[in-house]
Amino acid sequence: MPELIPQEEIPASLTKCPAWKLEGKALMRTIEFESFNEAIDFVNKLAEMAEDAGHHPDIAIRYVKVTLRLTTHDKGGVTDADLEMAQRIDNFTD
């Protein structure tokens, strides 16, 4: 099981995924799409990727905006697993 990354080290770790921001004890990113259907298609593909990785983001859908929240719940904060998933999502979306 991955260990927590100290809060003060997370900003430096986010240089690899600059679209993400630290909010509380989680990494957050909002992605805007052209249409609701594109947003839903993205979420469906992301669900498959998350299932394969065994690490699942919290997902909020607001019409054409999808907000993702990554945290390792059983550790109570951000771990390498969250950073790796953020990078995978970035590679998938960018």
N, C-alpha and C. Protein backbone atom coordinates (compact mmCIF):
# COMPACT_ATOMS: atom_id res chain seq x y z
N MET A 1 0.85 -1.18 0.00
CA MET A 1 0.00 0.00 0.00
C MET A 1 0.89 1.24 0.00
N PRO A 2 0.61 2.20 -0.88
CA PRO A 2 1.44 3.41 -0.93
C PRO A 2 1.31 4.24 0.34
N GLU A 3 2.39 4.96 0.65
CA GLU A 3 2.40 5.83 1.82
C GLU A 3 1.98 7.24 1.45
N LEU A 4 1.49 7.97 2.44
CA LEU A 4 1.11 9.37 2.23
C LEU A 4 2.31 10.19 1.82
N ILE A 5 2.08 11.12 0.90
CA ILE A 5 3.09 12.10 0.55
C ILE A 5 2.90 13.28 1.51
N PRO A 6 3.96 13.75 2.17
CA PRO A 6 3.79 14.89 3.07
C PRO A 6 3.20 16.09 2.32
N GLN A 7 2.26 16.79 2.95
CA GLN A 7 1.56 17.92 2.32
C GLN A 7 2.53 18.92 1.69
N GLU A 8 3.63 19.20 2.36
CA GLU A 8 4.57 20.21 1.85
C GLU A 8 5.31 19.75 0.60
N GLU A 9 5.31 18.45 0.32
CA GLU A 9 6.00 17.91 -0.86
C GLU A 9 5.08 17.80 -2.09
N ILE A 10 3.79 17.89 -1.89
CA ILE A 10 2.84 17.69 -2.99
C ILE A 10 2.96 18.75 -4.08
N PRO A 11 3.08 20.05 -3.75
CA PRO A 11 3.20 21.03 -4.84
C PRO A 11 4.36 20.73 -5.81
N ALA A 12 5.49 20.31 -5.30
CA ALA A 12 6.61 19.97 -6.17
C ALA A 12 6.29 18.75 -7.02
N SER A 13 5.54 17.81 -6.47
CA SER A 13 5.15 16.60 -7.21
C SER A 13 4.18 16.93 -8.34
N LEU A 14 3.43 18.02 -8.19
CA LEU A 14 2.43 18.38 -9.20
C LEU A 14 3.04 19.03 -10.44
N THR A 15 4.35 19.24 -10.47
CA THR A 15 4.98 19.76 -11.69
C THR A 15 4.80 18.78 -12.84
N LYS A 16 4.64 17.50 -12.53
CA LYS A 16 4.42 16.48 -13.55
C LYS A 16 2.99 16.50 -14.09
N CYS A 17 2.08 17.08 -13.34
CA CYS A 17 0.68 17.17 -13.77
C CYS A 17 0.11 18.52 -13.34
N PRO A 18 0.50 19.59 -14.06
CA PRO A 18 0.15 20.95 -13.64
C PRO A 18 -1.32 21.32 -13.72
N ALA A 19 -2.14 20.53 -14.41
CA ALA A 19 -3.58 20.82 -14.48
C ALA A 19 -4.27 20.50 -13.15
N TRP A 20 -3.60 19.79 -12.28
CA TRP A 20 -4.16 19.37 -11.01
C TRP A 20 -3.77 20.34 -9.91
N LYS A 21 -4.65 20.53 -8.95
CA LYS A 21 -4.41 21.39 -7.80
C LYS A 21 -4.67 20.60 -6.53
N LEU A 22 -3.92 20.94 -5.50
CA LEU A 22 -4.15 20.35 -4.19
C LEU A 22 -5.26 21.12 -3.50
N GLU A 23 -6.31 20.40 -3.12
CA GLU A 23 -7.40 20.99 -2.36
C GLU A 23 -7.65 20.10 -1.15
N GLY A 24 -7.28 20.61 0.01
CA GLY A 24 -7.40 19.80 1.21
C GLY A 24 -6.44 18.63 1.14
N LYS A 25 -6.99 17.44 1.20
CA LYS A 25 -6.17 16.23 1.17
C LYS A 25 -6.40 15.45 -0.13
N ALA A 26 -6.68 16.19 -1.22
CA ALA A 26 -6.97 15.54 -2.50
C ALA A 26 -6.42 16.37 -3.65
N LEU A 27 -6.22 15.71 -4.77
CA LEU A 27 -5.88 16.38 -6.02
C LEU A 27 -7.16 16.60 -6.79
N MET A 28 -7.32 17.79 -7.38
CA MET A 28 -8.55 18.13 -8.09
C MET A 28 -8.23 18.66 -9.49
N ARG A 29 -9.10 18.32 -10.42
CA ARG A 29 -9.01 18.86 -11.77
C ARG A 29 -10.41 18.89 -12.37
N THR A 30 -10.72 19.98 -13.08
CA THR A 30 -11.98 20.08 -13.80
C THR A 30 -11.66 20.15 -15.29
N ILE A 31 -12.36 19.33 -16.06
CA ILE A 31 -12.19 19.28 -17.51
C ILE A 31 -13.52 19.68 -18.14
N GLU A 32 -13.45 20.59 -19.10
CA GLU A 32 -14.67 21.05 -19.78
C GLU A 32 -14.70 20.48 -21.20
N PHE A 33 -15.87 20.00 -21.57
CA PHE A 33 -16.08 19.39 -22.88
C PHE A 33 -17.02 20.23 -23.73
N GLU A 34 -17.10 19.92 -25.01
CA GLU A 34 -17.97 20.66 -25.93
C GLU A 34 -19.45 20.34 -25.71
N SER A 35 -19.72 19.10 -25.26
CA SER A 35 -21.11 18.69 -25.09
C SER A 35 -21.23 17.73 -23.90
N PHE A 36 -22.46 17.56 -23.46
CA PHE A 36 -22.74 16.63 -22.38
C PHE A 36 -22.35 15.21 -22.79
N ASN A 37 -22.65 14.82 -24.02
CA ASN A 37 -22.32 13.48 -24.49
C ASN A 37 -20.81 13.23 -24.46
N GLU A 38 -20.02 14.24 -24.83
CA GLU A 38 -18.56 14.08 -24.77
C GLU A 38 -18.11 13.89 -23.32
N ALA A 39 -18.71 14.62 -22.41
CA ALA A 39 -18.36 14.48 -21.00
C ALA A 39 -18.67 13.07 -20.50
N ILE A 40 -19.83 12.56 -20.87
CA ILE A 40 -20.23 11.21 -20.45
C ILE A 40 -19.33 10.16 -21.10
N ASP A 41 -19.00 10.32 -22.36
CA ASP A 41 -18.07 9.39 -23.03
C ASP A 41 -16.73 9.35 -22.30
N PHE A 42 -16.24 10.54 -21.93
CA PHE A 42 -14.98 10.62 -21.18
C PHE A 42 -15.08 9.85 -19.87
N VAL A 43 -16.16 10.08 -19.13
CA VAL A 43 -16.33 9.42 -17.83
C VAL A 43 -16.40 7.91 -18.01
N ASN A 44 -17.08 7.43 -19.03
CA ASN A 44 -17.16 5.99 -19.27
C ASN A 44 -15.79 5.40 -19.57
N LYS A 45 -14.99 6.09 -20.38
CA LYS A 45 -13.63 5.60 -20.68
C LYS A 45 -12.75 5.68 -19.44
N LEU A 46 -12.91 6.76 -18.68
CA LEU A 46 -12.14 6.90 -17.45
C LEU A 46 -12.48 5.80 -16.45
N ALA A 47 -13.74 5.41 -16.40
CA ALA A 47 -14.15 4.34 -15.49
C ALA A 47 -13.42 3.04 -15.81
N GLU A 48 -13.28 2.74 -17.09
CA GLU A 48 -12.54 1.53 -17.49
C GLU A 48 -11.08 1.63 -17.09
N MET A 49 -10.46 2.80 -17.34
CA MET A 49 -9.06 2.99 -16.99
C MET A 49 -8.87 2.89 -15.48
N ALA A 50 -9.75 3.49 -14.71
CA ALA A 50 -9.65 3.44 -13.26
C ALA A 50 -9.81 2.02 -12.74
N GLU A 51 -10.73 1.29 -13.33
CA GLU A 51 -10.94 -0.10 -12.92
C GLU A 51 -9.69 -0.93 -13.20
N ASP A 52 -9.09 -0.73 -14.38
CA ASP A 52 -7.85 -1.44 -14.71
C ASP A 52 -6.72 -1.10 -13.74
N ALA A 53 -6.66 0.17 -13.33
CA ALA A 53 -5.60 0.62 -12.42
C ALA A 53 -5.89 0.25 -10.97
N GLY A 54 -7.15 -0.06 -10.67
CA GLY A 54 -7.52 -0.36 -9.30
C GLY A 54 -7.48 0.89 -8.41
N HIS A 55 -7.64 2.05 -9.03
CA HIS A 55 -7.63 3.31 -8.28
C HIS A 55 -8.67 4.23 -8.91
N HIS A 56 -9.67 4.60 -8.13
CA HIS A 56 -10.86 5.25 -8.68
C HIS A 56 -11.01 6.68 -8.18
N PRO A 57 -11.13 7.63 -9.11
CA PRO A 57 -11.36 9.01 -8.69
C PRO A 57 -12.81 9.23 -8.29
N ASP A 58 -13.03 10.24 -7.47
CA ASP A 58 -14.39 10.72 -7.24
C ASP A 58 -14.71 11.59 -8.45
N ILE A 59 -15.89 11.44 -9.01
CA ILE A 59 -16.26 12.12 -10.25
C ILE A 59 -17.56 12.89 -10.03
N ALA A 60 -17.54 14.18 -10.41
CA ALA A 60 -18.74 15.00 -10.38
C ALA A 60 -18.98 15.52 -11.80
N ILE A 61 -20.18 15.31 -12.31
CA ILE A 61 -20.53 15.77 -13.65
C ILE A 61 -21.53 16.91 -13.52
N ARG A 62 -21.18 18.04 -14.11
CA ARG A 62 -22.05 19.20 -14.15
C ARG A 62 -22.15 19.64 -15.60
N TYR A 63 -23.11 19.07 -16.31
CA TYR A 63 -23.36 19.34 -17.73
C TYR A 63 -22.11 19.04 -18.55
N VAL A 64 -21.31 20.04 -18.96
CA VAL A 64 -20.14 19.77 -19.81
C VAL A 64 -18.84 19.80 -19.01
N LYS A 65 -18.94 19.94 -17.69
CA LYS A 65 -17.76 19.98 -16.84
C LYS A 65 -17.70 18.72 -15.98
N VAL A 66 -16.52 18.10 -15.98
CA VAL A 66 -16.28 16.92 -15.17
C VAL A 66 -15.17 17.27 -14.18
N THR A 67 -15.49 17.16 -12.90
CA THR A 67 -14.50 17.43 -11.86
C THR A 67 -14.06 16.11 -11.27
N LEU A 68 -12.74 15.94 -11.20
CA LEU A 68 -12.15 14.71 -10.68
C LEU A 68 -11.43 15.02 -9.38
N ARG A 69 -11.54 14.10 -8.45
CA ARG A 69 -10.88 14.24 -7.15
C ARG A 69 -10.16 12.93 -6.87
N LEU A 70 -8.85 13.04 -6.65
CA LEU A 70 -8.04 11.86 -6.35
C LEU A 70 -7.49 11.95 -4.93
N THR A 71 -7.73 10.92 -4.17
CA THR A 71 -7.17 10.78 -2.84
C THR A 71 -7.16 9.29 -2.51
N THR A 72 -6.26 8.89 -1.67
CA THR A 72 -6.24 7.49 -1.22
C THR A 72 -7.01 7.45 0.09
N HIS A 73 -8.28 7.05 0.00
CA HIS A 73 -9.19 7.14 1.13
C HIS A 73 -8.68 6.42 2.38
N ASP A 74 -8.16 5.22 2.21
CA ASP A 74 -7.74 4.47 3.39
C ASP A 74 -6.45 5.00 4.01
N LYS A 75 -5.76 5.92 3.32
CA LYS A 75 -4.58 6.57 3.89
C LYS A 75 -4.90 7.99 4.36
N GLY A 76 -6.03 8.52 3.93
CA GLY A 76 -6.44 9.84 4.38
C GLY A 76 -5.72 10.99 3.71
N GLY A 77 -5.27 10.78 2.46
CA GLY A 77 -4.58 11.86 1.75
C GLY A 77 -4.01 11.40 0.44
N VAL A 78 -3.04 12.16 -0.06
CA VAL A 78 -2.45 11.92 -1.38
C VAL A 78 -1.26 10.98 -1.27
N THR A 79 -1.25 9.99 -2.16
CA THR A 79 -0.14 9.04 -2.25
C THR A 79 0.37 9.02 -3.69
N ASP A 80 1.44 8.25 -3.91
CA ASP A 80 1.96 8.09 -5.27
C ASP A 80 0.91 7.52 -6.21
N ALA A 81 0.00 6.71 -5.70
CA ALA A 81 -1.06 6.14 -6.53
C ALA A 81 -1.94 7.25 -7.12
N ASP A 82 -2.18 8.30 -6.35
CA ASP A 82 -2.98 9.42 -6.83
C ASP A 82 -2.23 10.19 -7.91
N LEU A 83 -0.95 10.43 -7.69
CA LEU A 83 -0.14 11.14 -8.69
C LEU A 83 -0.04 10.34 -9.98
N GLU A 84 0.14 9.03 -9.86
CA GLU A 84 0.21 8.18 -11.05
C GLU A 84 -1.10 8.20 -11.81
N MET A 85 -2.21 8.16 -11.09
CA MET A 85 -3.52 8.20 -11.75
C MET A 85 -3.74 9.56 -12.41
N ALA A 86 -3.32 10.64 -11.76
CA ALA A 86 -3.45 11.98 -12.36
C ALA A 86 -2.66 12.04 -13.68
N GLN A 87 -1.47 11.48 -13.69
CA GLN A 87 -0.67 11.46 -14.90
C GLN A 87 -1.33 10.62 -15.99
N ARG A 88 -1.90 9.49 -15.62
CA ARG A 88 -2.60 8.65 -16.59
C ARG A 88 -3.79 9.39 -17.18
N ILE A 89 -4.52 10.09 -16.35
CA ILE A 89 -5.67 10.86 -16.84
C ILE A 89 -5.20 11.97 -17.77
N ASP A 90 -4.12 12.66 -17.38
CA ASP A 90 -3.58 13.71 -18.24
C ASP A 90 -3.15 13.17 -19.59
N ASN A 91 -2.49 12.03 -19.61
CA ASN A 91 -2.07 11.41 -20.87
C ASN A 91 -3.27 11.03 -21.72
N PHE A 92 -4.36 10.67 -21.08
CA PHE A 92 -5.58 10.27 -21.75
C PHE A 92 -6.34 11.48 -22.33
N THR A 93 -6.27 12.62 -21.62
CA THR A 93 -7.06 13.78 -22.02
C THR A 93 -6.29 14.79 -22.87
N ASP A 94 -5.01 14.89 -22.66
CA ASP A 94 -4.23 15.93 -23.35
C ASP A 94 -3.69 15.48 -24.69
